[in-house]
């Protein structure tokens, strides 16, 4: 449930960042893990560069961000 809420929020941020979706799109279909502080979230990258929920395979890439990254992005300081 927390993963789904996170993916919805992350996709909302990606909707405002076409450059980020363009960088993720070539990895469509691959699994990824985003580590935000102590919270790892695993997902699959969609063809449009957004994130989709997934099953239990190991991710192909891990993205590690500081815990304050969402706040910094929302404040436009990123």
PDB file of N, CA and C in Angstrom:
ATOM      1  N   UNK A   1       0.835  -1.199   0.000  1.00  0.00           N
ATOM      2  CA  UNK A   1       0.000   0.000   0.000  1.00  0.00           C
ATOM      3  C   UNK A   1       0.873   1.254   0.000  1.00  0.00           C
ATOM      4  N   UNK A   2       1.905   1.263   0.844  1.00  0.00           N
ATOM      5  CA  UNK A   2       2.822   2.395   0.883  1.00  0.00           C
ATOM      6  C   UNK A   2       3.547   2.541  -0.450  1.00  0.00           C
ATOM      7  N   UNK A   3       3.921   1.400  -1.060  1.00  0.00           N
ATOM      8  CA  UNK A   3       4.580   1.449  -2.357  1.00  0.00           C
ATOM      9  C   UNK A   3       3.689   2.117  -3.398  1.00  0.00           C
ATOM     10  N   UNK A   4       2.415   1.770  -3.408  1.00  0.00           N
ATOM     11  CA  UNK A   4       1.489   2.349  -4.379  1.00  0.00           C
ATOM     12  C   UNK A   4       1.356   3.851  -4.174  1.00  0.00           C
ATOM     13  N   UNK A   5       1.228   4.284  -2.929  1.00  0.00           N
ATOM     14  CA  UNK A   5       1.138   5.725  -2.648  1.00  0.00           C
ATOM     15  C   UNK A   5       2.414   6.437  -3.091  1.00  0.00           C
ATOM     16  N   UNK A   6       3.555   5.802  -2.848  1.00  0.00           N
ATOM     17  CA  UNK A   6       4.814   6.402  -3.272  1.00  0.00           C
ATOM     18  C   UNK A   6       4.883   6.508  -4.790  1.00  0.00           C
ATOM     19  N   UNK A   7       4.502   5.440  -5.502  1.00  0.00           N
ATOM     20  CA  UNK A   7       4.568   5.461  -6.962  1.00  0.00           C
ATOM     21  C   UNK A   7       3.642   6.528  -7.543  1.00  0.00           C
ATOM     22  N   UNK A   8       2.466   6.698  -6.967  1.00  0.00           N
ATOM     23  CA  UNK A   8       1.554   7.740  -7.438  1.00  0.00           C
ATOM     24  C   UNK A   8       2.186   9.127  -7.252  1.00  0.00           C
ATOM     25  N   UNK A   9       2.817   9.339  -6.101  1.00  0.00           N
ATOM     26  CA  UNK A   9       3.471  10.623  -5.831  1.00  0.00           C
ATOM     27  C   UNK A   9       4.668  10.824  -6.756  1.00  0.00           C
ATOM     28  N   UNK A  10       5.472   9.781  -6.915  1.00  0.00           N
ATOM     29  CA  UNK A  10       6.655   9.870  -7.781  1.00  0.00           C
ATOM     30  C   UNK A  10       6.238  10.140  -9.226  1.00  0.00           C
ATOM     31  N   UNK A  11       5.168   9.486  -9.687  1.00  0.00           N
ATOM     32  CA  UNK A  11       4.685   9.729 -11.049  1.00  0.00           C
ATOM     33  C   UNK A  11       4.171  11.158 -11.211  1.00  0.00           C
ATOM     34  N   UNK A  12       3.596  11.720 -10.159  1.00  0.00           N
ATOM     35  CA  UNK A  12       3.157  13.111 -10.220  1.00  0.00           C
ATOM     36  C   UNK A  12       4.368  14.037 -10.400  1.00  0.00           C
ATOM     37  N   UNK A  13       5.455  13.752  -9.679  1.00  0.00           N
ATOM     38  CA  UNK A  13       6.692  14.530  -9.850  1.00  0.00           C
ATOM     39  C   UNK A  13       7.253  14.336 -11.256  1.00  0.00           C
ATOM     40  N   UNK A  14       7.215  13.102 -11.749  1.00  0.00           N
ATOM     41  CA  UNK A  14       7.717  12.846 -13.103  1.00  0.00           C
ATOM     42  C   UNK A  14       6.870  13.550 -14.162  1.00  0.00           C
ATOM     43  N   UNK A  15       5.578  13.706 -13.912  1.00  0.00           N
ATOM     44  CA  UNK A  15       4.701  14.392 -14.870  1.00  0.00           C
ATOM     45  C   UNK A  15       5.158  15.828 -15.101  1.00  0.00           C
ATOM     46  N   UNK A  16       5.766  16.425 -14.086  1.00  0.00           N
ATOM     47  CA  UNK A  16       6.248  17.798 -14.192  1.00  0.00           C
ATOM     48  C   UNK A  16       7.699  17.869 -14.663  1.00  0.00           C
ATOM     49  N   UNK A  17       8.291  16.726 -14.955  1.00  0.00           N
ATOM     50  CA  UNK A  17       9.705  16.696 -15.344  1.00  0.00           C
ATOM     51  C   UNK A  17       9.894  15.833 -16.592  1.00  0.00           C
ATOM     52  N   UNK A  18       9.542  16.370 -17.773  1.00  0.00           N
ATOM     53  CA  UNK A  18       9.676  15.585 -19.000  1.00  0.00           C
ATOM     54  C   UNK A  18      11.105  15.095 -19.245  1.00  0.00           C
ATOM     55  N   UNK A  19      12.102  15.866 -18.806  1.00  0.00           N
ATOM     56  CA  UNK A  19      13.495  15.457 -18.995  1.00  0.00           C
ATOM     57  C   UNK A  19      13.775  14.165 -18.224  1.00  0.00           C
ATOM     58  N   UNK A  20      13.177  14.008 -17.041  1.00  0.00           N
ATOM     59  CA  UNK A  20      13.397  12.800 -16.239  1.00  0.00           C
ATOM     60  C   UNK A  20      12.716  11.598 -16.887  1.00  0.00           C
ATOM     61  N   UNK A  21      11.488  11.780 -17.379  1.00  0.00           N
ATOM     62  CA  UNK A  21      10.790  10.685 -18.061  1.00  0.00           C
ATOM     63  C   UNK A  21      11.557  10.268 -19.305  1.00  0.00           C
ATOM     64  N   UNK A  22      12.122  11.231 -20.039  1.00  0.00           N
ATOM     65  CA  UNK A  22      12.894  10.920 -21.240  1.00  0.00           C
ATOM     66  C   UNK A  22      14.141  10.096 -20.897  1.00  0.00           C
ATOM     67  N   UNK A  23      14.735  10.372 -19.749  1.00  0.00           N
ATOM     68  CA  UNK A  23      15.931   9.615 -19.339  1.00  0.00           C
ATOM     69  C   UNK A  23      15.560   8.217 -18.860  1.00  0.00           C
ATOM     70  N   UNK A  24      14.354   8.047 -18.319  1.00  0.00           N
ATOM     71  CA  UNK A  24      13.917   6.734 -17.839  1.00  0.00           C
ATOM     72  C   UNK A  24      13.336   5.869 -18.956  1.00  0.00           C
ATOM     73  N   UNK A  25      12.723   6.473 -19.972  1.00  0.00           N
ATOM     74  CA  UNK A  25      12.018   5.736 -21.022  1.00  0.00           C
ATOM     75  C   UNK A  25      12.863   4.656 -21.699  1.00  0.00           C
ATOM     76  N   UNK A  26      14.153   4.867 -21.965  1.00  0.00           N
ATOM     77  CA  UNK A  26      14.936   3.795 -22.599  1.00  0.00           C
ATOM     78  C   UNK A  26      15.035   2.521 -21.751  1.00  0.00           C
ATOM     79  N   UNK A  27      14.704   2.611 -20.473  1.00  0.00           N
ATOM     80  CA  UNK A  27      14.769   1.458 -19.588  1.00  0.00           C
ATOM     81  C   UNK A  27      13.400   0.811 -19.391  1.00  0.00           C
ATOM     82  N   UNK A  28      12.453   1.124 -20.272  1.00  0.00           N
ATOM     83  CA  UNK A  28      11.087   0.594 -20.168  1.00  0.00           C
ATOM     84  C   UNK A  28      11.112  -0.924 -20.030  1.00  0.00           C
ATOM     85  N   UNK A  29      10.287  -1.421 -19.123  1.00  0.00           N
ATOM     86  CA  UNK A  29      10.172  -2.850 -18.882  1.00  0.00           C
ATOM     87  C   UNK A  29      11.157  -3.369 -17.846  1.00  0.00           C
ATOM     88  N   UNK A  30      12.152  -2.576 -17.489  1.00  0.00           N
ATOM     89  CA  UNK A  30      13.133  -3.013 -16.503  1.00  0.00           C
ATOM     90  C   UNK A  30      12.674  -2.663 -15.096  1.00  0.00           C
ATOM     91  N   UNK A  31      13.172  -3.411 -14.163  1.00  0.00           N
ATOM     92  CA  UNK A  31      12.846  -3.198 -12.753  1.00  0.00           C
ATOM     93  C   UNK A  31      13.862  -2.253 -12.154  1.00  0.00           C
ATOM     94  N   UNK A  32      13.419  -1.457 -11.190  1.00  0.00           N
ATOM     95  CA  UNK A  32      14.306  -0.509 -10.519  1.00  0.00           C
ATOM     96  C   UNK A  32      13.971  -0.474  -9.040  1.00  0.00           C
ATOM     97  N   UNK A  33      14.922  -0.013  -8.248  1.00  0.00           N
ATOM     98  CA  UNK A  33      14.702   0.177  -6.812  1.00  0.00           C
ATOM     99  C   UNK A  33      15.123   1.604  -6.500  1.00  0.00           C
ATOM    100  N   UNK A  34      14.239   2.351  -5.879  1.00  0.00           N
ATOM    101  CA  UNK A  34      14.528   3.703  -5.422  1.00  0.00           C
ATOM    102  C   UNK A  34      14.653   3.641  -3.908  1.00  0.00           C
ATOM    103  N   UNK A  35      15.806   4.068  -3.407  1.00  0.00           N
ATOM    104  CA  UNK A  35      16.044   4.058  -1.965  1.00  0.00           C
ATOM    105  C   UNK A  35      16.006   5.498  -1.494  1.00  0.00           C
ATOM    106  N   UNK A  36      15.015   5.809  -0.706  1.00  0.00           N
ATOM    107  CA  UNK A  36      14.807   7.154  -0.195  1.00  0.00           C
ATOM    108  C   UNK A  36      14.928   7.102   1.317  1.00  0.00           C
ATOM    109  N   UNK A  37      16.109   7.427   1.820  1.00  0.00           N
ATOM    110  CA  UNK A  37      16.354   7.245   3.250  1.00  0.00           C
ATOM    111  C   UNK A  37      16.250   5.767   3.568  1.00  0.00           C
ATOM    112  N   UNK A  38      15.445   5.387   4.561  1.00  0.00           N
ATOM    113  CA  UNK A  38      15.318   3.971   4.925  1.00  0.00           C
ATOM    114  C   UNK A  38      14.244   3.228   4.128  1.00  0.00           C
ATOM    115  N   UNK A  39      13.595   3.885   3.170  1.00  0.00           N
ATOM    116  CA  UNK A  39      12.473   3.277   2.455  1.00  0.00           C
ATOM    117  C   UNK A  39      12.835   2.868   1.036  1.00  0.00           C
ATOM    118  N   UNK A  40      13.108   1.583   0.788  1.00  0.00           N
ATOM    119  CA  UNK A  40      13.321   1.142  -0.594  1.00  0.00           C
ATOM    120  C   UNK A  40      11.969   0.852  -1.257  1.00  0.00           C
ATOM    121  N   UNK A  41      11.804   1.300  -2.482  1.00  0.00           N
ATOM    122  CA  UNK A  41      10.586   1.038  -3.246  1.00  0.00           C
ATOM    123  C   UNK A  41      11.007   0.457  -4.589  1.00  0.00           C
ATOM    124  N   UNK A  42      10.466  -0.710  -4.929  1.00  0.00           N
ATOM    125  CA  UNK A  42      10.785  -1.350  -6.192  1.00  0.00           C
ATOM    126  C   UNK A  42       9.632  -1.145  -7.164  1.00  0.00           C
ATOM    127  N   UNK A  43       9.980  -0.941  -8.447  1.00  0.00           N
ATOM    128  CA  UNK A  43       8.979  -0.668  -9.475  1.00  0.00           C
ATOM    129  C   UNK A  43       9.525  -1.051 -10.838  1.00  0.00           C
ATOM    130  N   UNK A  44       8.663  -0.999 -11.839  1.00  0.00           N
ATOM    131  CA  UNK A  44       9.063  -1.233 -13.230  1.00  0.00           C
ATOM    132  C   UNK A  44       8.909   0.094 -13.961  1.00  0.00           C
ATOM    133  N   UNK A  45       9.809   0.362 -14.873  1.00  0.00           N
ATOM    134  CA  UNK A  45       9.757   1.592 -15.653  1.00  0.00           C
ATOM    135  C   UNK A  45       8.846   1.364 -16.858  1.00  0.00           C
ATOM    136  N   UNK A  46       7.852   2.235 -17.021  1.00  0.00           N
ATOM    137  CA  UNK A  46       6.900   2.144 -18.128  1.00  0.00           C
ATOM    138  C   UNK A  46       7.489   2.776 -19.388  1.00  0.00           C
ATOM    139  N   UNK A  47       6.870   2.503 -20.532  1.00  0.00           N
ATOM    140  CA  UNK A  47       7.356   3.020 -21.814  1.00  0.00           C
ATOM    141  C   UNK A  47       7.387   4.540 -21.853  1.00  0.00           C
ATOM    142  N   UNK A  48       6.512   5.200 -21.086  1.00  0.00           N
ATOM    143  CA  UNK A  48       6.480   6.662 -21.103  1.00  0.00           C
ATOM    144  C   UNK A  48       7.396   7.287 -20.044  1.00  0.00           C
ATOM    145  N   UNK A  49       8.214   6.450 -19.373  1.00  0.00           N
ATOM    146  CA  UNK A  49       9.154   6.963 -18.387  1.00  0.00           C
ATOM    147  C   UNK A  49       8.568   7.138 -17.001  1.00  0.00           C
ATOM    148  N   UNK A  50       7.336   6.669 -16.786  1.00  0.00           N
ATOM    149  CA  UNK A  50       6.749   6.716 -15.454  1.00  0.00           C
ATOM    150  C   UNK A  50       7.014   5.374 -14.762  1.00  0.00           C
ATOM    151  N   UNK A  51       6.476   5.194 -13.567  1.00  0.00           N
ATOM    152  CA  UNK A  51       6.731   3.993 -12.773  1.00  0.00           C
ATOM    153  C   UNK A  51       5.481   3.151 -12.649  1.00  0.00           C
ATOM    154  N   UNK A  52       5.667   1.830 -12.677  1.00  0.00           N
ATOM    155  CA  UNK A  52       4.567   0.881 -12.513  1.00  0.00           C
ATOM    156  C   UNK A  52       4.882  -0.038 -11.336  1.00  0.00           C
ATOM    157  N   UNK A  53       3.861  -0.536 -10.701  1.00  0.00           N
ATOM    158  CA  UNK A  53       4.025  -1.527  -9.645  1.00  0.00           C
ATOM    159  C   UNK A  53       4.518  -2.827 -10.271  1.00  0.00           C
ATOM    160  N   UNK A  54       5.163  -3.691  -9.474  1.00  0.00           N
ATOM    161  CA  UNK A  54       5.691  -4.943 -10.016  1.00  0.00           C
ATOM    162  C   UNK A  54       5.599  -6.080  -9.031  1.00  0.00           C
ATOM    163  N   UNK A  55       6.075  -7.236  -9.463  1.00  0.00           N
ATOM    164  CA  UNK A  55       6.051  -8.440  -8.638  1.00  0.00           C
ATOM    165  C   UNK A  55       7.271  -8.540  -7.734  1.00  0.00           C
ATOM    166  N   UNK A  56       7.980  -9.682  -7.778  1.00  0.00           N
ATOM    167  CA  UNK A  56       9.054  -9.893  -6.804  1.00  0.00           C
ATOM    168  C   UNK A  56      10.412 -10.220  -7.420  1.00  0.00           C
ATOM    169  N   UNK A  57      10.657  -9.911  -8.695  1.00  0.00           N
ATOM    170  CA  UNK A  57      11.984 -10.112  -9.285  1.00  0.00           C
ATOM    171  C   UNK A  57      12.958  -9.067  -8.744  1.00  0.00           C
ATOM    172  N   UNK A  58      14.246  -9.344  -8.880  1.00  0.00           N
ATOM    173  CA  UNK A  58      15.267  -8.385  -8.440  1.00  0.00           C
ATOM    174  C   UNK A  58      15.321  -7.214  -9.421  1.00  0.00           C
ATOM    175  N   UNK A  59      15.526  -5.982  -8.936  1.00  0.00           N
ATOM    176  CA  UNK A  59      15.592  -4.826  -9.823  1.00  0.00           C
ATOM    177  C   UNK A  59      16.891  -4.817 -10.641  1.00  0.00           C
ATOM    178  N   UNK A  60      16.846  -4.162 -11.818  1.00  0.00           N
ATOM    179  CA  UNK A  60      18.024  -4.028 -12.669  1.00  0.00           C
ATOM    180  C   UNK A  60      18.877  -2.838 -12.258  1.00  0.00           C
ATOM    181  N   UNK A  61      18.284  -1.868 -11.572  1.00  0.00           N
ATOM    182  CA  UNK A  61      18.997  -0.658 -11.166  1.00  0.00           C
ATOM    183  C   UNK A  61      18.494  -0.221  -9.795  1.00  0.00           C
ATOM    184  N   UNK A  62      19.366   0.413  -9.023  1.00  0.00           N
ATOM    185  CA  UNK A  62      18.977   0.960  -7.729  1.00  0.00           C
ATOM    186  C   UNK A  62      19.295   2.450  -7.733  1.00  0.00           C
ATOM    187  N   UNK A  63      18.317   3.277  -7.370  1.00  0.00           N
ATOM    188  CA  UNK A  63      18.462   4.729  -7.318  1.00  0.00           C
ATOM    189  C   UNK A  63      18.436   5.121  -5.847  1.00  0.00           C
ATOM    190  N   UNK A  64      19.513   5.739  -5.358  1.00  0.00           N
ATOM    191  CA  UNK A  64      19.593   6.106  -3.953  1.00  0.00           C
ATOM    192  C   UNK A  64      19.568   7.628  -3.837  1.00  0.00           C
ATOM    193  N   UNK A  65      18.582   8.146  -3.105  1.00  0.00           N
ATOM    194  CA  UNK A  65      18.435   9.585  -2.888  1.00  0.00           C
ATOM    195  C   UNK A  65      18.457   9.879  -1.399  1.00  0.00           C
ATOM    196  N   UNK A  66      18.906  11.085  -1.014  1.00  0.00           N
ATOM    197  CA  UNK A  66      18.820  11.453   0.399  1.00  0.00           C
ATOM    198  C   UNK A  66      17.353  11.543   0.824  1.00  0.00           C
ATOM    199  N   UNK A  67      17.097  11.333   2.090  1.00  0.00           N
ATOM    200  CA  UNK A  67      15.727  11.310   2.604  1.00  0.00           C
ATOM    201  C   UNK A  67      14.976  12.611   2.348  1.00  0.00           C
ATOM    202  N   UNK A  68      15.673  13.742   2.233  1.00  0.00           N
ATOM    203  CA  UNK A  68      14.996  15.022   2.017  1.00  0.00           C
ATOM    204  C   UNK A  68      14.791  15.355   0.543  1.00  0.00           C
ATOM    205  N   UNK A  69      15.115  14.451  -0.359  1.00  0.00           N
ATOM    206  CA  UNK A  69      15.002  14.721  -1.798  1.00  0.00           C
ATOM    207  C   UNK A  69      13.593  15.137  -2.234  1.00  0.00           C
ATOM    208  N   UNK A  70      12.514  14.459  -1.780  1.00  0.00           N
ATOM    209  CA  UNK A  70      11.187  14.903  -2.218  1.00  0.00           C
ATOM    210  C   UNK A  70      10.869  16.334  -1.793  1.00  0.00           C
ATOM    211  N   UNK A  71      11.251  16.700  -0.589  1.00  0.00           N
ATOM    212  CA  UNK A  71      11.013  18.065  -0.110  1.00  0.00           C
ATOM    213  C   UNK A  71      11.790  19.069  -0.945  1.00  0.00           C
ATOM    214  N   UNK A  72      13.042  18.761  -1.238  1.00  0.00           N
ATOM    215  CA  UNK A  72      13.879  19.647  -2.056  1.00  0.00           C
ATOM    216  C   UNK A  72      13.277  19.804  -3.458  1.00  0.00           C
ATOM    217  N   UNK A  73      12.813  18.676  -4.058  1.00  0.00           N
ATOM    218  CA  UNK A  73      12.203  18.753  -5.377  1.00  0.00           C
ATOM    219  C   UNK A  73      10.922  19.564  -5.366  1.00  0.00           C
ATOM    220  N   UNK A  74      10.092  19.364  -4.343  1.00  0.00           N
ATOM    221  CA  UNK A  74       8.832  20.110  -4.251  1.00  0.00           C
ATOM    222  C   UNK A  74       9.068  21.610  -4.045  1.00  0.00           C
ATOM    223  N   UNK A  75      10.160  21.952  -3.401  1.00  0.00           N
ATOM    224  CA  UNK A  75      10.479  23.353  -3.171  1.00  0.00           C
ATOM    225  C   UNK A  75      11.202  23.976  -4.369  1.00  0.00           C
ATOM    226  N   UNK A  76      11.488  23.158  -5.385  1.00  0.00           N
ATOM    227  CA  UNK A  76      12.139  23.671  -6.583  1.00  0.00           C
ATOM    228  C   UNK A  76      13.611  23.965  -6.399  1.00  0.00           C
ATOM    229  N   UNK A  77      14.248  23.310  -5.452  1.00  0.00           N
ATOM    230  CA  UNK A  77      15.658  23.564  -5.190  1.00  0.00           C
ATOM    231  C   UNK A  77      16.546  22.500  -5.823  1.00  0.00           C
ATOM    232  N   UNK A  78      15.952  21.534  -6.522  1.00  0.00           N
ATOM    233  CA  UNK A  78      16.724  20.405  -7.055  1.00  0.00           C
ATOM    234  C   UNK A  78      17.322  20.643  -8.382  1.00  0.00           C
TER     235      UNK A  78
END
